[in-house]
Amino acid sequence: MYGRVTVGSGGTANICNLKFANRWNNAPSCYCNNESQVLLTRSSSTIADLACSVAVSFGAGDLITYGCQGFR
């Protein structure tokens, strides 16, 4: 599963939470990447969602790409 989201403009945030449409059987291995800024981005996933976080703040309009791969 892969995708791209655009950060909104309602203040400053350092976490982008994405909820999966369907739960995984096991937490998938995921990555996040900020295409708009050079920021180290950390990913953390559960069976239900993916959190992409940075030490500072995402900017309004930043493009965040992500990918997740399931395993047994």
Protein backbone atom coordinates (compact mmCIF):
# COMPACT_ATOMS: atom_id res chain seq x y z
CA MET A 1 0.00 0.00 0.00
CA TYR A 2 1.40 3.37 -1.02
CA GLY A 3 0.05 6.89 -1.07
CA ARG A 4 0.54 10.63 -0.73
CA VAL A 5 -1.17 13.16 1.53
CA THR A 6 -0.97 16.95 1.69
CA VAL A 7 -0.52 18.64 5.06
CA GLY A 8 -3.28 21.13 5.86
CA SER A 9 -2.94 24.68 7.16
CA GLY A 10 -4.47 24.69 10.64
CA GLY A 11 -1.47 25.46 12.85
CA THR A 12 1.76 23.58 13.41
CA ALA A 13 2.02 19.83 13.81
CA ASN A 14 4.87 17.39 13.99
CA ILE A 15 2.76 14.21 13.56
CA CYS A 16 0.68 13.10 10.59
CA ASN A 17 -1.69 10.23 11.52
CA LEU A 18 -3.16 8.03 8.79
CA LYS A 19 -5.91 5.52 9.56
CA PHE A 20 -5.94 2.35 7.43
CA ALA A 21 -9.24 1.55 5.67
CA ASN A 22 -8.73 -2.12 6.54
CA ARG A 23 -6.80 -3.43 9.52
CA TRP A 24 -3.69 -5.51 8.93
CA ASN A 25 -3.26 -8.92 10.58
CA ASN A 26 0.13 -7.76 11.89
CA ALA A 27 1.56 -4.24 12.10
CA PRO A 28 3.11 -3.58 8.66
CA SER A 29 6.59 -2.27 7.97
CA CYS A 30 6.17 1.33 6.77
CA TYR A 31 8.11 4.41 5.72
CA CYS A 32 7.24 8.11 5.45
CA ASN A 33 8.97 10.75 3.34
CA ASN A 34 8.47 14.52 3.19
CA GLU A 35 8.80 15.50 -0.49
CA SER A 36 8.65 19.23 0.28
CA GLN A 37 11.31 19.72 2.96
CA VAL A 38 14.54 18.03 3.98
CA LEU A 39 13.29 16.60 7.29
CA LEU A 40 14.14 13.34 8.98
CA THR A 41 10.77 11.59 9.13
CA ARG A 42 10.01 8.68 11.48
CA SER A 43 7.26 6.14 10.89
CA SER A 44 5.43 4.06 13.47
CA SER A 45 2.64 1.65 12.57
CA THR A 46 0.03 -0.51 14.27
CA ILE A 47 -2.54 -2.83 12.70
CA ALA A 48 -4.92 0.15 12.45
CA ASP A 49 -2.85 3.24 11.60
CA LEU A 50 0.43 4.87 10.59
CA ALA A 51 2.04 7.85 12.31
CA CYS A 52 4.63 9.94 10.44
CA SER A 53 6.50 12.34 12.72
CA VAL A 54 9.29 14.93 12.55
CA ALA A 55 11.30 16.70 15.27
CA VAL A 56 10.17 20.17 14.10
CA SER A 57 6.89 20.88 12.28
CA PHE A 58 5.45 19.95 8.92
CA GLY A 59 4.71 22.97 6.74
CA ALA A 60 1.30 23.75 5.27
CA GLY A 61 1.09 22.09 1.87
CA ASP A 62 3.95 19.65 2.47
CA LEU A 63 3.58 16.43 0.48
CA ILE A 64 4.04 13.31 2.58
CA THR A 65 4.48 10.02 0.76
CA TYR A 66 4.19 6.70 2.56
CA GLY A 67 4.40 3.01 1.89
CA CYS A 68 3.55 -0.07 3.91
CA GLN A 69 4.33 -3.73 3.32
CA GLY A 70 2.67 -6.49 5.32
CA PHE A 71 4.30 -9.71 6.43
CA ARG A 72 3.40 -12.86 8.35
